[in-house]
Amino acid sequence: MKEKPYHHGNLQTKLIEEGLALIHEKGRGDFSLRKLSKRVGVSPTACYNHFANVDELLAEMKNYVTKKFCDALLEDIDESEMATAAIRMGKSYVNFFACNPHYFTFIYDNEEYRINLTEAAFEGDFAPFNIFKETAVKCMEHHHIDKERYRDNLLVMWATVHGLAAMANMRGFHYGGDWGLLTETLLDTKINLL
């Protein structure tokens, strides 16, 4: 018997999004294509038509979220307005995760990414971090910050936005204000003190 085609749009994207939501709710421990297919309402064969195994799906989920995160960070960056670029990017960072908590859990509840902020290094293999770093450095250059302070200033900016994004994703924490405005206020204060 021929399977019914999936009628709700792009099944591959639906599997990725629902997979991210499932991991957010239940964790990675017993995540499987069978559980995902049941959640989406398709046969396991439909999942296997798109992903050979769970590792392939997880890799595609990582690519998907990383691209969306990079796009969100880059969306409001204007090279002609570097004075406030770090603030706008910080707002994008926090708002992205406040609106997509399942992305936050997926990205930061694993050890796949490496970011090194030691005295000898200032690098990482996580594309959104590199975008954040490059924009923050341009912003600090614009403000004539001493290069010796770049690393620590970057830590302050990253800790601010990442901390707010983490707070926005804490299940028992509720904030009734505007996350973007709060981010702007905190970063504006930090950048002026750098």
Protein backbone atom coordinates (compact mmCIF):
# COMPACT_ATOMS: atom_id res chain seq x y z
CA MET A 1 0.00 0.00 0.00
CA LYS A 2 1.35 3.39 -0.95
CA GLU A 3 1.87 5.87 1.91
CA LYS A 4 -0.10 9.08 1.87
CA PRO A 5 2.03 12.09 1.02
CA TYR A 6 2.69 14.58 3.76
CA HIS A 7 0.25 17.46 3.29
CA HIS A 8 1.52 19.98 5.81
CA GLY A 9 4.34 21.61 3.88
CA ASN A 10 7.98 20.68 3.92
CA LEU A 11 8.32 17.44 5.91
CA GLN A 12 12.09 17.77 6.28
CA THR A 13 11.75 21.18 7.97
CA LYS A 14 8.83 19.91 10.06
CA LEU A 15 10.95 16.97 11.26
CA ILE A 16 13.80 19.32 12.19
CA GLU A 17 11.55 21.76 14.06
CA GLU A 18 9.62 19.03 15.87
CA GLY A 19 12.88 17.24 16.65
CA LEU A 20 14.21 20.40 18.26
CA ALA A 21 11.00 20.78 20.28
CA LEU A 22 11.12 17.13 21.36
CA ILE A 23 14.72 17.43 22.55
CA HIS A 24 13.80 20.63 24.37
CA GLU A 25 11.01 18.83 26.19
CA LYS A 26 12.57 15.40 26.80
CA GLY A 27 16.33 15.78 26.30
CA ARG A 28 18.62 13.93 23.88
CA GLY A 29 18.84 10.74 25.92
CA ASP A 30 16.26 8.62 24.15
CA PHE A 31 15.60 10.78 21.10
CA SER A 32 14.82 8.63 18.06
CA LEU A 33 13.37 8.88 14.57
CA ARG A 34 10.53 6.58 15.63
CA LYS A 35 9.50 8.88 18.48
CA LEU A 36 9.77 11.86 16.16
CA SER A 37 7.67 10.22 13.45
CA LYS A 38 4.97 9.46 16.01
CA ARG A 39 5.00 13.08 17.19
CA VAL A 40 4.73 14.43 13.63
CA GLY A 41 2.11 11.88 12.65
CA VAL A 42 3.99 10.18 9.82
CA SER A 43 5.41 6.71 9.41
CA PRO A 44 9.02 6.01 10.45
CA THR A 45 9.69 5.32 6.77
CA ALA A 46 8.80 8.95 5.97
CA CYS A 47 11.52 10.07 8.43
CA TYR A 48 14.04 7.64 6.97
CA ASN A 49 13.29 9.00 3.50
CA HIS A 50 14.82 12.30 4.67
CA PHE A 51 17.42 11.15 7.22
CA ALA A 52 19.32 7.86 7.13
CA ASN A 53 19.67 7.79 10.91
CA VAL A 54 19.32 9.92 14.03
CA ASP A 55 22.90 11.20 13.77
CA GLU A 56 22.20 12.57 10.30
CA LEU A 57 19.07 14.30 11.61
CA LEU A 58 20.98 15.77 14.58
CA ALA A 59 23.69 17.08 12.24
CA GLU A 60 21.05 18.71 10.03
CA MET A 61 19.33 20.17 13.09
CA LYS A 62 22.66 21.69 14.16
CA ASN A 63 23.17 23.23 10.69
CA TYR A 64 19.59 24.51 10.63
CA VAL A 65 19.73 26.23 14.03
CA THR A 66 23.23 27.61 13.47
CA LYS A 67 22.20 29.17 10.16
CA LYS A 68 19.06 30.70 11.65
CA PHE A 69 21.08 32.08 14.58
CA CYS A 70 23.74 33.54 12.26
CA ASP A 71 21.06 35.11 10.07
CA ALA A 72 19.42 36.69 13.14
CA LEU A 73 22.74 38.16 14.31
CA LEU A 74 23.58 39.56 10.88
CA GLU A 75 20.12 40.95 10.15
CA ASP A 76 20.55 44.30 11.88
CA ILE A 77 24.27 44.86 11.36
CA ASP A 78 25.01 47.88 9.23
CA GLU A 79 28.71 48.56 8.59
CA SER A 80 27.99 52.30 8.49
CA GLU A 81 26.63 52.25 12.05
CA MET A 82 29.36 50.42 13.98
CA ALA A 83 28.91 52.62 17.06
CA THR A 84 25.77 50.72 18.00
CA ALA A 85 26.27 47.46 16.10
CA ALA A 86 27.10 45.43 19.21
CA ILE A 87 23.94 46.65 20.92
CA ARG A 88 21.72 45.79 17.95
CA MET A 89 23.38 42.41 17.58
CA GLY A 90 22.98 41.74 21.31
CA LYS A 91 19.27 42.50 21.06
CA SER A 92 19.01 40.08 18.13
CA TYR A 93 20.81 37.41 20.16
CA VAL A 94 18.48 37.65 23.14
CA ASN A 95 15.29 38.05 21.10
CA PHE A 96 16.22 35.06 18.91
CA PHE A 97 16.37 32.75 21.91
CA ALA A 98 13.48 34.37 23.79
CA CYS A 99 11.32 33.51 20.76
CA ASN A 100 12.93 30.09 20.14
CA PRO A 101 13.71 28.41 23.47
CA HIS A 102 14.00 25.01 21.80
CA TYR A 103 16.96 26.35 19.79
CA PHE A 104 18.73 27.52 22.94
CA THR A 105 18.44 24.12 24.57
CA PHE A 106 19.66 22.33 21.48
CA ILE A 107 22.71 24.53 20.94
CA TYR A 108 23.92 24.97 24.48
CA ASP A 109 23.10 21.60 26.07
CA ASN A 110 25.96 19.83 24.29
CA GLU A 111 29.72 20.02 23.99
CA GLU A 112 30.01 20.19 20.20
CA TYR A 113 31.09 23.83 20.06
CA ARG A 114 34.40 25.21 21.28
CA ILE A 115 35.05 28.80 22.27
CA ASN A 116 38.47 29.75 23.61
CA LEU A 117 38.93 33.06 25.38
CA THR A 118 42.29 32.46 27.06
CA GLU A 119 45.11 34.99 26.99
CA ALA A 120 46.68 33.18 24.03
CA ALA A 121 43.55 32.64 21.98
CA PHE A 122 40.47 34.55 20.99
CA GLU A 123 38.66 32.09 18.78
CA GLY A 124 35.99 29.48 18.41
CA ASP A 125 34.51 27.05 15.94
CA PHE A 126 30.97 28.28 16.55
CA ALA A 127 29.96 30.55 13.64
CA PRO A 128 27.56 32.74 15.70
CA PHE A 129 30.35 33.41 18.21
CA ASN A 130 32.65 34.47 15.39
CA ILE A 131 30.01 36.88 14.06
CA PHE A 132 29.51 38.23 17.56
CA LYS A 133 33.26 38.60 18.11
CA GLU A 134 33.94 40.30 14.77
CA THR A 135 31.11 42.78 15.26
CA ALA A 136 32.09 43.50 18.86
CA VAL A 137 35.71 44.11 17.79
CA LYS A 138 34.58 46.54 15.07
CA CYS A 139 32.42 48.31 17.61
CA MET A 140 35.34 48.55 20.05
CA GLU A 141 37.59 49.85 17.26
CA HIS A 142 34.97 52.50 16.51
CA HIS A 143 35.00 53.52 20.20
CA HIS A 144 38.85 53.53 20.25
CA ILE A 145 39.06 50.86 22.97
CA ASP A 146 42.56 49.64 23.77
CA LYS A 147 43.14 46.28 22.02
CA GLU A 148 44.39 44.75 25.27
CA ARG A 149 40.86 45.10 26.62
CA TYR A 150 39.10 43.41 23.68
CA ARG A 151 39.00 39.91 25.16
CA ASP A 152 37.61 40.95 28.55
CA ASN A 153 35.16 43.37 26.97
CA LEU A 154 33.96 40.63 24.65
CA LEU A 155 33.44 38.39 27.68
CA VAL A 156 31.34 41.10 29.33
CA MET A 157 29.21 41.60 26.21
CA TRP A 158 28.84 37.84 25.57
CA ALA A 159 28.02 37.17 29.23
CA THR A 160 25.39 39.91 29.18
CA VAL A 161 23.52 38.66 26.12
CA HIS A 162 24.01 34.98 26.83
CA GLY A 163 22.93 35.46 30.44
CA LEU A 164 19.77 37.25 29.35
CA ALA A 165 19.04 34.56 26.74
CA ALA A 166 19.52 31.89 29.42
CA MET A 167 17.17 33.75 31.76
CA ALA A 168 14.59 33.98 28.98
CA ASN A 169 14.77 30.18 28.77
CA MET A 170 14.60 29.33 32.47
CA ARG A 171 11.35 27.48 33.05
CA GLY A 172 10.69 29.02 36.47
CA PHE A 173 11.73 32.57 35.56
CA HIS A 174 9.26 35.06 34.13
CA TYR A 175 10.00 38.58 32.96
CA GLY A 176 7.13 40.78 31.88
CA GLY A 177 9.26 43.40 30.16
CA ASP A 178 10.82 43.72 26.71
CA TRP A 179 13.93 41.50 26.42
CA GLY A 180 15.30 43.60 23.57
CA LEU A 181 14.97 46.85 25.51
CA LEU A 182 16.58 45.28 28.59
CA THR A 183 19.46 44.03 26.44
CA GLU A 184 19.89 47.45 24.86
CA THR A 185 19.96 49.15 28.26
CA LEU A 186 22.52 46.75 29.72
CA LEU A 187 24.81 46.73 26.68
CA ASP A 188 24.63 50.50 26.29
CA THR A 189 25.79 50.84 29.90
CA LYS A 190 28.56 48.24 29.43
CA ILE A 191 29.84 49.63 26.13
CA ASN A 192 30.03 53.14 27.55
CA LEU A 193 32.09 51.80 30.46
CA LEU A 194 34.44 49.62 28.40
